[in-house]
């Protein structure tokens, strides 16, 4: 039901939450997910035990993802491949380029969901700038709340973080089936670094690796230095 001004009543207003998974990974896609829910249904997310995906076990995330999709009006997921990321961030000001790329994709997700209000986990150190970058890419006007740690402070963003993380974990599982144990895909994981070293030893990185990332460049450089010393 809407008011005479065309706006939905508060209970029926549609609220979106948007978050990502895999931003700092050197292997696999960057996954951005958005969920759309009626304002009156927001307490249901809290009752389900929805929280920042990093605070949940994989099995709990998977179970919650099913429940979130049931209670929400819509979910939309976009995945950026390593090649898409490399094409944008190669060169100077990598962090700024990645922030803007993420803002662009979040805008596309919101364009699909069409919420009355949106909460996003700000990737930029400047929350207002991240909000501005999203709004500049939007096809319609929407009230956006851009904050750091939004995935901990707003259940609707927590829900999006869970969907994104479950999708990302699924992608990593598929890569493991194809290439063997790639670890979590993050540079802090020794299994991931070992996989990068093995790839370089055998010839080159497969398409699942973000070649523009410093850890990938470092592993390749270390191999080159060893070859020079052997000559």
C-alpha atoms as a PDB file:
ATOM      1  CA  UNK A   1       0.000   0.000   0.000  1.00  0.00           C
ATOM      2  CA  UNK A   2       1.281   3.479  -0.880  1.00  0.00           C
ATOM      3  CA  UNK A   3       0.415   6.972   0.274  1.00  0.00           C
ATOM      4  CA  UNK A   4      -1.069   9.632  -2.026  1.00  0.00           C
ATOM      5  CA  UNK A   5       2.489  10.836  -2.699  1.00  0.00           C
ATOM      6  CA  UNK A   6       3.372   7.462  -4.177  1.00  0.00           C
ATOM      7  CA  UNK A   7       5.560   6.446  -1.237  1.00  0.00           C
ATOM      8  CA  UNK A   8       5.022   3.191   0.630  1.00  0.00           C
ATOM      9  CA  UNK A   9       3.869   3.280   4.225  1.00  0.00           C
ATOM     10  CA  UNK A  10       6.727   2.607   6.642  1.00  0.00           C
ATOM     11  CA  UNK A  11       5.837  -1.008   7.350  1.00  0.00           C
ATOM     12  CA  UNK A  12       5.594  -1.786   3.641  1.00  0.00           C
ATOM     13  CA  UNK A  13       8.680   0.230   2.698  1.00  0.00           C
ATOM     14  CA  UNK A  14      11.362  -1.876   1.053  1.00  0.00           C
ATOM     15  CA  UNK A  15      14.793  -1.907   2.687  1.00  0.00           C
ATOM     16  CA  UNK A  16      17.955  -3.253   1.069  1.00  0.00           C
ATOM     17  CA  UNK A  17      21.260  -4.333   2.523  1.00  0.00           C
ATOM     18  CA  UNK A  18      24.389  -4.744   0.391  1.00  0.00           C
ATOM     19  CA  UNK A  19      27.742  -6.303   1.258  1.00  0.00           C
ATOM     20  CA  UNK A  20      30.640  -8.165  -0.348  1.00  0.00           C
ATOM     21  CA  UNK A  21      32.812 -11.215   0.143  1.00  0.00           C
ATOM     22  CA  UNK A  22      36.259 -11.845  -1.287  1.00  0.00           C
ATOM     23  CA  UNK A  23      37.528  -8.280  -1.542  1.00  0.00           C
ATOM     24  CA  UNK A  24      41.013  -9.063  -0.240  1.00  0.00           C
ATOM     25  CA  UNK A  25      41.308 -12.492  -1.818  1.00  0.00           C
ATOM     26  CA  UNK A  26      43.985 -13.277  -4.376  1.00  0.00           C
ATOM     27  CA  UNK A  27      42.003 -16.225  -5.754  1.00  0.00           C
ATOM     28  CA  UNK A  28      38.407 -16.306  -6.932  1.00  0.00           C
ATOM     29  CA  UNK A  29      35.705 -13.703  -7.545  1.00  0.00           C
ATOM     30  CA  UNK A  30      34.603 -10.679  -5.591  1.00  0.00           C
ATOM     31  CA  UNK A  31      30.976 -11.392  -4.706  1.00  0.00           C
ATOM     32  CA  UNK A  32      28.526  -8.573  -3.989  1.00  0.00           C
ATOM     33  CA  UNK A  33      25.082  -9.463  -2.698  1.00  0.00           C
ATOM     34  CA  UNK A  34      21.980  -7.451  -1.964  1.00  0.00           C
ATOM     35  CA  UNK A  35      18.844  -8.470  -0.115  1.00  0.00           C
ATOM     36  CA  UNK A  36      15.478  -6.715  -0.182  1.00  0.00           C
ATOM     37  CA  UNK A  37      12.998  -6.965   2.668  1.00  0.00           C
ATOM     38  CA  UNK A  38       9.893  -5.188   3.924  1.00  0.00           C
ATOM     39  CA  UNK A  39      10.580  -2.795   6.786  1.00  0.00           C
ATOM     40  CA  UNK A  40       8.057  -4.646   8.950  1.00  0.00           C
ATOM     41  CA  UNK A  41       9.970  -7.906   8.449  1.00  0.00           C
ATOM     42  CA  UNK A  42      13.342  -6.577   9.636  1.00  0.00           C
ATOM     43  CA  UNK A  43      12.872  -7.997  13.185  1.00  0.00           C
ATOM     44  CA  UNK A  44      12.588 -11.472  11.641  1.00  0.00           C
ATOM     45  CA  UNK A  45      16.233 -11.280  10.583  1.00  0.00           C
ATOM     46  CA  UNK A  46      17.318 -10.567  14.138  1.00  0.00           C
ATOM     47  CA  UNK A  47      15.112 -13.395  15.431  1.00  0.00           C
ATOM     48  CA  UNK A  48      16.781 -15.777  12.986  1.00  0.00           C
ATOM     49  CA  UNK A  49      20.144 -14.945  14.521  1.00  0.00           C
ATOM     50  CA  UNK A  50      21.463 -13.135  11.480  1.00  0.00           C
ATOM     51  CA  UNK A  51      24.844 -11.510  12.132  1.00  0.00           C
ATOM     52  CA  UNK A  52      28.068 -10.633  10.346  1.00  0.00           C
ATOM     53  CA  UNK A  53      28.980 -13.678   8.259  1.00  0.00           C
ATOM     54  CA  UNK A  54      32.529 -13.698   9.674  1.00  0.00           C
ATOM     55  CA  UNK A  55      31.085 -14.511  13.096  1.00  0.00           C
ATOM     56  CA  UNK A  56      29.265 -17.618  11.862  1.00  0.00           C
ATOM     57  CA  UNK A  57      30.399 -21.128  10.989  1.00  0.00           C
ATOM     58  CA  UNK A  58      30.080 -22.248   7.351  1.00  0.00           C
ATOM     59  CA  UNK A  59      27.219 -24.631   8.192  1.00  0.00           C
ATOM     60  CA  UNK A  60      25.354 -21.907  10.079  1.00  0.00           C
ATOM     61  CA  UNK A  61      25.813 -19.478   7.191  1.00  0.00           C
ATOM     62  CA  UNK A  62      24.415 -21.993   4.729  1.00  0.00           C
ATOM     63  CA  UNK A  63      21.373 -22.673   6.924  1.00  0.00           C
ATOM     64  CA  UNK A  64      20.717 -18.955   7.427  1.00  0.00           C
ATOM     65  CA  UNK A  65      21.091 -18.231   3.712  1.00  0.00           C
ATOM     66  CA  UNK A  66      18.118 -20.503   3.039  1.00  0.00           C
ATOM     67  CA  UNK A  67      16.006 -18.755   5.686  1.00  0.00           C
ATOM     68  CA  UNK A  68      17.035 -15.291   4.501  1.00  0.00           C
ATOM     69  CA  UNK A  69      15.902 -16.048   0.955  1.00  0.00           C
ATOM     70  CA  UNK A  70      12.542 -17.174   2.349  1.00  0.00           C
ATOM     71  CA  UNK A  71      11.829 -14.024   4.356  1.00  0.00           C
ATOM     72  CA  UNK A  72      13.236 -11.496   1.876  1.00  0.00           C
ATOM     73  CA  UNK A  73      11.352 -10.096  -1.092  1.00  0.00           C
ATOM     74  CA  UNK A  74      14.359 -10.506  -3.373  1.00  0.00           C
ATOM     75  CA  UNK A  75      18.084 -11.268  -3.466  1.00  0.00           C
ATOM     76  CA  UNK A  76      20.566 -10.299  -6.141  1.00  0.00           C
ATOM     77  CA  UNK A  77      24.169 -11.454  -6.463  1.00  0.00           C
ATOM     78  CA  UNK A  78      26.883 -10.151  -8.781  1.00  0.00           C
ATOM     79  CA  UNK A  79      30.294 -11.779  -9.171  1.00  0.00           C
ATOM     80  CA  UNK A  80      33.377 -10.027 -10.502  1.00  0.00           C
ATOM     81  CA  UNK A  81      35.963 -12.356 -12.002  1.00  0.00           C
ATOM     82  CA  UNK A  82      39.703 -11.961 -11.365  1.00  0.00           C
ATOM     83  CA  UNK A  83      40.063 -10.747 -14.973  1.00  0.00           C
ATOM     84  CA  UNK A  84      37.473  -8.005 -14.461  1.00  0.00           C
ATOM     85  CA  UNK A  85      39.194  -6.905 -11.262  1.00  0.00           C
ATOM     86  CA  UNK A  86      42.668  -6.969 -12.834  1.00  0.00           C
ATOM     87  CA  UNK A  87      41.465  -4.891 -15.785  1.00  0.00           C
ATOM     88  CA  UNK A  88      40.293  -2.135 -13.450  1.00  0.00           C
ATOM     89  CA  UNK A  89      42.901  -2.049 -10.710  1.00  0.00           C
ATOM     90  CA  UNK A  90      46.122  -2.502 -12.718  1.00  0.00           C
ATOM     91  CA  UNK A  91      48.252   0.596 -12.474  1.00  0.00           C
ATOM     92  CA  UNK A  92      48.325   3.317  -9.843  1.00  0.00           C
ATOM     93  CA  UNK A  93      45.811   4.061  -7.092  1.00  0.00           C
ATOM     94  CA  UNK A  94      44.689   0.442  -6.945  1.00  0.00           C
ATOM     95  CA  UNK A  95      42.709   0.841  -3.728  1.00  0.00           C
ATOM     96  CA  UNK A  96      40.735   3.824  -5.027  1.00  0.00           C
ATOM     97  CA  UNK A  97      39.965   1.990  -8.277  1.00  0.00           C
ATOM     98  CA  UNK A  98      38.757  -1.079  -6.392  1.00  0.00           C
ATOM     99  CA  UNK A  99      36.577   1.075  -4.113  1.00  0.00           C
ATOM    100  CA  UNK A 100      34.955   2.744  -7.105  1.00  0.00           C
ATOM    101  CA  UNK A 101      34.464  -0.577  -8.879  1.00  0.00           C
ATOM    102  CA  UNK A 102      32.707  -1.908  -5.794  1.00  0.00           C
ATOM    103  CA  UNK A 103      30.529   1.212  -5.621  1.00  0.00           C
ATOM    104  CA  UNK A 104      29.547   0.740  -9.274  1.00  0.00           C
ATOM    105  CA  UNK A 105      28.537  -2.868  -8.706  1.00  0.00           C
ATOM    106  CA  UNK A 106      26.592  -2.031  -5.551  1.00  0.00           C
ATOM    107  CA  UNK A 107      24.711   0.580  -7.580  1.00  0.00           C
ATOM    108  CA  UNK A 108      23.834  -2.083 -10.156  1.00  0.00           C
ATOM    109  CA  UNK A 109      22.581  -4.385  -7.408  1.00  0.00           C
ATOM    110  CA  UNK A 110      20.399  -1.612  -5.971  1.00  0.00           C
ATOM    111  CA  UNK A 111      19.090  -0.782  -9.447  1.00  0.00           C
ATOM    112  CA  UNK A 112      17.785  -4.343  -9.625  1.00  0.00           C
ATOM    113  CA  UNK A 113      16.303  -4.403  -6.118  1.00  0.00           C
ATOM    114  CA  UNK A 114      14.678  -0.931  -6.238  1.00  0.00           C
ATOM    115  CA  UNK A 115      14.546  -0.266  -2.465  1.00  0.00           C
ATOM    116  CA  UNK A 116      13.146   2.778  -0.685  1.00  0.00           C
ATOM    117  CA  UNK A 117      16.189   2.798   1.599  1.00  0.00           C
ATOM    118  CA  UNK A 118      19.521   0.997   1.429  1.00  0.00           C
ATOM    119  CA  UNK A 119      22.261   0.191   3.913  1.00  0.00           C
ATOM    120  CA  UNK A 120      25.717  -0.593   2.547  1.00  0.00           C
ATOM    121  CA  UNK A 121      29.000  -1.623   4.119  1.00  0.00           C
ATOM    122  CA  UNK A 122      31.349   1.192   3.091  1.00  0.00           C
ATOM    123  CA  UNK A 123      34.501  -0.048   1.353  1.00  0.00           C
ATOM    124  CA  UNK A 124      36.051   3.418   1.210  1.00  0.00           C
ATOM    125  CA  UNK A 125      37.763   4.907   4.254  1.00  0.00           C
ATOM    126  CA  UNK A 126      35.489   7.902   3.595  1.00  0.00           C
ATOM    127  CA  UNK A 127      31.920   6.698   4.106  1.00  0.00           C
ATOM    128  CA  UNK A 128      30.352   9.752   2.449  1.00  0.00           C
ATOM    129  CA  UNK A 129      32.523   9.443  -0.642  1.00  0.00           C
ATOM    130  CA  UNK A 130      31.510   5.808  -1.032  1.00  0.00           C
ATOM    131  CA  UNK A 131      27.847   6.833  -0.781  1.00  0.00           C
ATOM    132  CA  UNK A 132      28.404   9.567  -3.367  1.00  0.00           C
ATOM    133  CA  UNK A 133      30.093   7.138  -5.762  1.00  0.00           C
ATOM    134  CA  UNK A 134      27.147   4.745  -5.503  1.00  0.00           C
ATOM    135  CA  UNK A 135      24.568   7.490  -6.028  1.00  0.00           C
ATOM    136  CA  UNK A 136      26.416   8.760  -9.115  1.00  0.00           C
ATOM    137  CA  UNK A 137      25.924   5.336 -10.722  1.00  0.00           C
ATOM    138  CA  UNK A 138      22.264   4.905  -9.764  1.00  0.00           C
ATOM    139  CA  UNK A 139      19.393   5.153 -12.235  1.00  0.00           C
ATOM    140  CA  UNK A 140      16.962   6.377  -9.550  1.00  0.00           C
ATOM    141  CA  UNK A 141      17.086   8.272  -6.263  1.00  0.00           C
ATOM    142  CA  UNK A 142      17.343   6.269  -3.074  1.00  0.00           C
ATOM    143  CA  UNK A 143      18.174   7.015   0.558  1.00  0.00           C
ATOM    144  CA  UNK A 144      21.538   5.330   1.251  1.00  0.00           C
ATOM    145  CA  UNK A 145      23.217   4.782   4.609  1.00  0.00           C
ATOM    146  CA  UNK A 146      26.923   4.080   4.020  1.00  0.00           C
ATOM    147  CA  UNK A 147      28.837   3.028   7.125  1.00  0.00           C
ATOM    148  CA  UNK A 148      31.857   1.022   8.165  1.00  0.00           C
ATOM    149  CA  UNK A 149      30.954  -2.221   9.950  1.00  0.00           C
ATOM    150  CA  UNK A 150      27.394  -1.976   8.643  1.00  0.00           C
ATOM    151  CA  UNK A 151      27.464  -5.775   8.452  1.00  0.00           C
ATOM    152  CA  UNK A 152      27.654  -5.816  12.250  1.00  0.00           C
ATOM    153  CA  UNK A 153      25.323  -2.929  12.960  1.00  0.00           C
ATOM    154  CA  UNK A 154      22.407  -3.637  10.608  1.00  0.00           C
ATOM    155  CA  UNK A 155      20.857  -7.122  10.295  1.00  0.00           C
ATOM    156  CA  UNK A 156      19.810  -6.401   6.695  1.00  0.00           C
ATOM    157  CA  UNK A 157      23.486  -5.903   5.766  1.00  0.00           C
ATOM    158  CA  UNK A 158      24.430  -8.958   7.837  1.00  0.00           C
ATOM    159  CA  UNK A 159      21.950 -10.914   5.738  1.00  0.00           C
ATOM    160  CA  UNK A 160      23.621  -9.672   2.554  1.00  0.00           C
ATOM    161  CA  UNK A 161      27.040 -10.584   3.929  1.00  0.00           C
ATOM    162  CA  UNK A 162      25.831 -14.132   4.582  1.00  0.00           C
ATOM    163  CA  UNK A 163      24.460 -14.535   1.060  1.00  0.00           C
ATOM    164  CA  UNK A 164      27.698 -13.147  -0.404  1.00  0.00           C
ATOM    165  CA  UNK A 165      29.896 -15.381   1.741  1.00  0.00           C
ATOM    166  CA  UNK A 166      27.925 -18.542   0.956  1.00  0.00           C
ATOM    167  CA  UNK A 167      28.131 -17.764  -2.775  1.00  0.00           C
ATOM    168  CA  UNK A 168      31.847 -17.062  -2.474  1.00  0.00           C
ATOM    169  CA  UNK A 169      32.474 -20.305  -0.544  1.00  0.00           C
ATOM    170  CA  UNK A 170      30.636 -22.210  -3.264  1.00  0.00           C
ATOM    171  CA  UNK A 171      32.904 -20.661  -5.907  1.00  0.00           C
ATOM    172  CA  UNK A 172      36.023 -21.644  -3.946  1.00  0.00           C
ATOM    173  CA  UNK A 173      34.725 -25.220  -3.594  1.00  0.00           C
ATOM    174  CA  UNK A 174      34.291 -25.419  -7.367  1.00  0.00           C
ATOM    175  CA  UNK A 175      37.829 -24.134  -7.886  1.00  0.00           C
ATOM    176  CA  UNK A 176      39.141 -26.768  -5.480  1.00  0.00           C
ATOM    177  CA  UNK A 177      37.409 -29.475  -7.512  1.00  0.00           C
ATOM    178  CA  UNK A 178      39.048 -28.154 -10.670  1.00  0.00           C
ATOM    179  CA  UNK A 179      42.548 -27.222  -9.447  1.00  0.00           C
ATOM    180  CA  UNK A 180      43.013 -29.007  -6.134  1.00  0.00           C
ATOM    181  CA  UNK A 181      43.295 -27.403  -2.690  1.00  0.00           C
ATOM    182  CA  UNK A 182      43.501 -23.621  -3.193  1.00  0.00           C
ATOM    183  CA  UNK A 183      42.903 -22.846   0.467  1.00  0.00           C
ATOM    184  CA  UNK A 184      40.560 -19.983   1.330  1.00  0.00           C
ATOM    185  CA  UNK A 185      41.909 -17.837  -1.486  1.00  0.00           C
ATOM    186  CA  UNK A 186      43.276 -15.216   0.918  1.00  0.00           C
ATOM    187  CA  UNK A 187      46.988 -14.313   1.113  1.00  0.00           C
ATOM    188  CA  UNK A 188      47.050 -15.071   4.847  1.00  0.00           C
ATOM    189  CA  UNK A 189      46.322 -18.741   4.067  1.00  0.00           C
ATOM    190  CA  UNK A 190      49.492 -20.822   3.589  1.00  0.00           C
ATOM    191  CA  UNK A 191      47.599 -23.283   1.379  1.00  0.00           C
ATOM    192  CA  UNK A 192      46.691 -20.427  -0.966  1.00  0.00           C
ATOM    193  CA  UNK A 193      50.307 -19.245  -1.183  1.00  0.00           C
ATOM    194  CA  UNK A 194      51.484 -22.823  -1.754  1.00  0.00           C
ATOM    195  CA  UNK A 195      48.981 -23.104  -4.602  1.00  0.00           C
ATOM    196  CA  UNK A 196      50.338 -19.906  -6.184  1.00  0.00           C
ATOM    197  CA  UNK A 197      53.901 -21.245  -5.909  1.00  0.00           C
ATOM    198  CA  UNK A 198      52.884 -24.512  -7.529  1.00  0.00           C
ATOM    199  CA  UNK A 199      51.185 -22.673 -10.394  1.00  0.00           C
ATOM    200  CA  UNK A 200      54.300 -20.595 -11.075  1.00  0.00           C
ATOM    201  CA  UNK A 201      56.484 -23.701 -10.846  1.00  0.00           C
ATOM    202  CA  UNK A 202      54.317 -25.456 -13.432  1.00  0.00           C
ATOM    203  CA  UNK A 203      54.199 -22.469 -15.760  1.00  0.00           C
ATOM    204  CA  UNK A 204      51.617 -19.762 -15.095  1.00  0.00           C
ATOM    205  CA  UNK A 205      48.593 -18.756 -13.056  1.00  0.00           C
ATOM    206  CA  UNK A 206      45.158 -20.081 -14.043  1.00  0.00           C
ATOM    207  CA  UNK A 207      42.277 -17.679 -14.648  1.00  0.00           C
ATOM    208  CA  UNK A 208      41.098 -17.922 -11.031  1.00  0.00           C
ATOM    209  CA  UNK A 209      44.093 -15.880  -9.796  1.00  0.00           C
ATOM    210  CA  UNK A 210      44.099 -12.082  -9.525  1.00  0.00           C
ATOM    211  CA  UNK A 211      47.408 -11.389 -11.214  1.00  0.00           C
ATOM    212  CA  UNK A 212      47.380  -7.707 -10.222  1.00  0.00           C
ATOM    213  CA  UNK A 213      47.413  -8.590  -6.522  1.00  0.00           C
ATOM    214  CA  UNK A 214      50.705  -8.078  -4.688  1.00  0.00           C
ATOM    215  CA  UNK A 215      50.923 -11.669  -3.320  1.00  0.00           C
ATOM    216  CA  UNK A 216      50.601 -13.082  -6.844  1.00  0.00           C
ATOM    217  CA  UNK A 217      53.256 -10.687  -8.140  1.00  0.00           C
ATOM    218  CA  UNK A 218      55.522 -11.503  -5.187  1.00  0.00           C
ATOM    219  CA  UNK A 219      55.393 -15.255  -5.782  1.00  0.00           C
ATOM    220  CA  UNK A 220      56.167 -14.772  -9.472  1.00  0.00           C
ATOM    221  CA  UNK A 221      59.016 -12.368  -8.616  1.00  0.00           C
ATOM    222  CA  UNK A 222      60.534 -14.795  -6.115  1.00  0.00           C
ATOM    223  CA  UNK A 223      60.667 -17.487  -8.795  1.00  0.00           C
ATOM    224  CA  UNK A 224      62.371 -15.069 -11.182  1.00  0.00           C
ATOM    225  CA  UNK A 225      64.969 -14.142  -8.551  1.00  0.00           C
ATOM    226  CA  UNK A 226      65.744 -17.798  -7.865  1.00  0.00           C
ATOM    227  CA  UNK A 227      66.251 -18.454 -11.575  1.00  0.00           C
ATOM    228  CA  UNK A 228      68.666 -15.536 -11.839  1.00  0.00           C
ATOM    229  CA  UNK A 229      70.708 -16.823  -8.892  1.00  0.00           C
ATOM    230  CA  UNK A 230      70.969 -20.270 -10.482  1.00  0.00           C
ATOM    231  CA  UNK A 231      72.388 -18.870 -13.721  1.00  0.00           C
END
